[in-house]
Amino acid sequence: MANGWAPDGAVQDQIDDTVTDGVLRARAHLPTGDGGTHCLECGDEIPAARRAALPGVRTCVTCQSALDRRPVNIGFNRRGSKDSQLR
């Protein structure tokens, strides 16, 4: 049930858009191209199994885990916001 000026299903559409944006952002950050045999962060060798599983990988598991723990400012989806349509 929509409220105010929003059409039926508007909330679900906004949720779907947020999920789609997240998936596209994650895909854009996947490694591509030729990967290295040694980690760019620590210099340790990247195991062959990791290189085979993730073509283009440039970091070892330990360093990638540390990079993934860093906070990321993603923002929020303003497509469904009435304020964003008025600006």
C-alpha atoms as a PDB file:
ATOM      1  CA  MET A   1       0.000   0.000   0.000  1.00  0.00           C
ATOM      2  CA  ALA A   2       1.463   3.331  -1.052  1.00  0.00           C
ATOM      3  CA  ASN A   3       1.271   6.519   0.976  1.00  0.00           C
ATOM      4  CA  GLY A   4       0.785  10.051  -0.270  1.00  0.00           C
ATOM      5  CA  TRP A   5       1.767  10.568  -3.899  1.00  0.00           C
ATOM      6  CA  ALA A   6       3.661   7.306  -4.238  1.00  0.00           C
ATOM      7  CA  PRO A   7       2.147   4.679  -6.533  1.00  0.00           C
ATOM      8  CA  ASP A   8       1.452   1.149  -5.341  1.00  0.00           C
ATOM      9  CA  GLY A   9       4.666  -0.845  -5.093  1.00  0.00           C
ATOM     10  CA  ALA A  10       6.885   2.252  -4.819  1.00  0.00           C
ATOM     11  CA  VAL A  11       8.555   1.038  -1.624  1.00  0.00           C
ATOM     12  CA  GLN A  12       9.424  -2.315  -3.179  1.00  0.00           C
ATOM     13  CA  ASP A  13      10.697  -0.545  -6.316  1.00  0.00           C
ATOM     14  CA  GLN A  14      13.039   1.561  -4.171  1.00  0.00           C
ATOM     15  CA  ILE A  15      14.275  -1.543  -2.331  1.00  0.00           C
ATOM     16  CA  ASP A  16      14.850  -3.329  -5.652  1.00  0.00           C
ATOM     17  CA  ASP A  17      16.771  -0.320  -7.006  1.00  0.00           C
ATOM     18  CA  THR A  18      18.973  -0.217  -3.899  1.00  0.00           C
ATOM     19  CA  VAL A  19      19.775  -3.927  -4.213  1.00  0.00           C
ATOM     20  CA  THR A  20      20.486  -3.586  -7.953  1.00  0.00           C
ATOM     21  CA  ASP A  21      22.798  -0.626  -7.299  1.00  0.00           C
ATOM     22  CA  GLY A  22      24.665  -2.657  -4.676  1.00  0.00           C
ATOM     23  CA  VAL A  23      25.126  -5.613  -7.034  1.00  0.00           C
ATOM     24  CA  LEU A  24      26.358  -3.370  -9.852  1.00  0.00           C
ATOM     25  CA  ARG A  25      28.767  -1.605  -7.469  1.00  0.00           C
ATOM     26  CA  ALA A  26      30.155  -4.947  -6.278  1.00  0.00           C
ATOM     27  CA  ARG A  27      30.573  -6.229  -9.834  1.00  0.00           C
ATOM     28  CA  ALA A  28      32.399  -3.030 -10.801  1.00  0.00           C
ATOM     29  CA  HIS A  29      34.964  -3.672  -8.057  1.00  0.00           C
ATOM     30  CA  LEU A  30      35.750  -7.246  -9.088  1.00  0.00           C
ATOM     31  CA  PRO A  31      39.322  -7.659 -10.316  1.00  0.00           C
ATOM     32  CA  THR A  32      39.840  -7.919 -14.055  1.00  0.00           C
ATOM     33  CA  GLY A  33      42.775  -8.408 -16.376  1.00  0.00           C
ATOM     34  CA  ASP A  34      46.028 -10.112 -15.529  1.00  0.00           C
ATOM     35  CA  GLY A  35      46.507 -10.845 -11.876  1.00  0.00           C
ATOM     36  CA  GLY A  36      49.789 -11.045 -10.078  1.00  0.00           C
ATOM     37  CA  THR A  37      51.573 -13.936  -8.465  1.00  0.00           C
ATOM     38  CA  HIS A  38      52.450 -11.821  -5.427  1.00  0.00           C
ATOM     39  CA  CYS A  39      50.249  -9.620  -3.249  1.00  0.00           C
ATOM     40  CA  LEU A  40      50.452  -5.877  -3.907  1.00  0.00           C
ATOM     41  CA  GLU A  41      50.003  -5.121  -0.197  1.00  0.00           C
ATOM     42  CA  CYS A  42      52.412  -7.495   1.569  1.00  0.00           C
ATOM     43  CA  GLY A  43      54.420  -9.126  -1.223  1.00  0.00           C
ATOM     44  CA  ASP A  44      53.552 -12.704  -0.217  1.00  0.00           C
ATOM     45  CA  GLU A  45      52.778 -15.205  -2.951  1.00  0.00           C
ATOM     46  CA  ILE A  46      49.097 -15.519  -3.899  1.00  0.00           C
ATOM     47  CA  PRO A  47      48.106 -19.207  -3.871  1.00  0.00           C
ATOM     48  CA  ALA A  48      47.426 -20.755  -7.284  1.00  0.00           C
ATOM     49  CA  ALA A  49      43.937 -21.824  -6.175  1.00  0.00           C
ATOM     50  CA  ARG A  50      43.024 -18.201  -5.384  1.00  0.00           C
ATOM     51  CA  ARG A  51      44.397 -17.011  -8.728  1.00  0.00           C
ATOM     52  CA  ALA A  52      42.362 -19.689 -10.517  1.00  0.00           C
ATOM     53  CA  ALA A  53      39.176 -18.848  -8.589  1.00  0.00           C
ATOM     54  CA  LEU A  54      39.511 -15.075  -9.070  1.00  0.00           C
ATOM     55  CA  PRO A  55      41.190 -14.150 -12.341  1.00  0.00           C
ATOM     56  CA  GLY A  56      42.861 -10.768 -11.992  1.00  0.00           C
ATOM     57  CA  VAL A  57      43.266 -11.007  -8.220  1.00  0.00           C
ATOM     58  CA  ARG A  58      46.022  -8.756  -6.876  1.00  0.00           C
ATOM     59  CA  THR A  59      45.963  -9.365  -3.117  1.00  0.00           C
ATOM     60  CA  CYS A  60      46.295 -12.366  -0.820  1.00  0.00           C
ATOM     61  CA  VAL A  61      43.378 -13.492   1.342  1.00  0.00           C
ATOM     62  CA  THR A  62      44.758 -11.859   4.497  1.00  0.00           C
ATOM     63  CA  CYS A  63      45.292  -8.460   2.891  1.00  0.00           C
ATOM     64  CA  GLN A  64      41.973  -8.574   1.041  1.00  0.00           C
ATOM     65  CA  SER A  65      40.197  -9.354   4.315  1.00  0.00           C
ATOM     66  CA  ALA A  66      41.829  -6.297   5.900  1.00  0.00           C
ATOM     67  CA  LEU A  67      40.806  -4.146   2.925  1.00  0.00           C
ATOM     68  CA  ASP A  68      37.230  -5.430   3.113  1.00  0.00           C
ATOM     69  CA  ARG A  69      36.973  -4.458   6.803  1.00  0.00           C
ATOM     70  CA  ARG A  70      37.607  -0.776   6.049  1.00  0.00           C
ATOM     71  CA  PRO A  71      34.490   1.388   6.251  1.00  0.00           C
ATOM     72  CA  VAL A  72      32.914   2.322   2.943  1.00  0.00           C
ATOM     73  CA  ASN A  73      30.622   5.279   2.420  1.00  0.00           C
ATOM     74  CA  ILE A  74      27.975   4.040  -0.012  1.00  0.00           C
ATOM     75  CA  GLY A  75      25.319   6.692   0.471  1.00  0.00           C
ATOM     76  CA  PHE A  76      21.672   5.982  -0.111  1.00  0.00           C
ATOM     77  CA  ASN A  77      19.222   5.622  -2.960  1.00  0.00           C
ATOM     78  CA  ARG A  78      17.566   8.941  -3.749  1.00  0.00           C
ATOM     79  CA  ARG A  79      15.706   7.780  -6.860  1.00  0.00           C
ATOM     80  CA  GLY A  80      12.481   7.273  -4.944  1.00  0.00           C
ATOM     81  CA  SER A  81      12.803  10.412  -2.822  1.00  0.00           C
ATOM     82  CA  LYS A  82      10.412  13.248  -3.605  1.00  0.00           C
ATOM     83  CA  ASP A  83      13.069  15.739  -2.458  1.00  0.00           C
ATOM     84  CA  SER A  84      15.495  14.567  -5.113  1.00  0.00           C
ATOM     85  CA  GLN A  85      12.869  15.037  -7.815  1.00  0.00           C
ATOM     86  CA  LEU A  86      12.273  18.638  -6.770  1.00  0.00           C
ATOM     87  CA  ARG A  87      15.948  19.671  -7.072  1.00  0.00           C
END
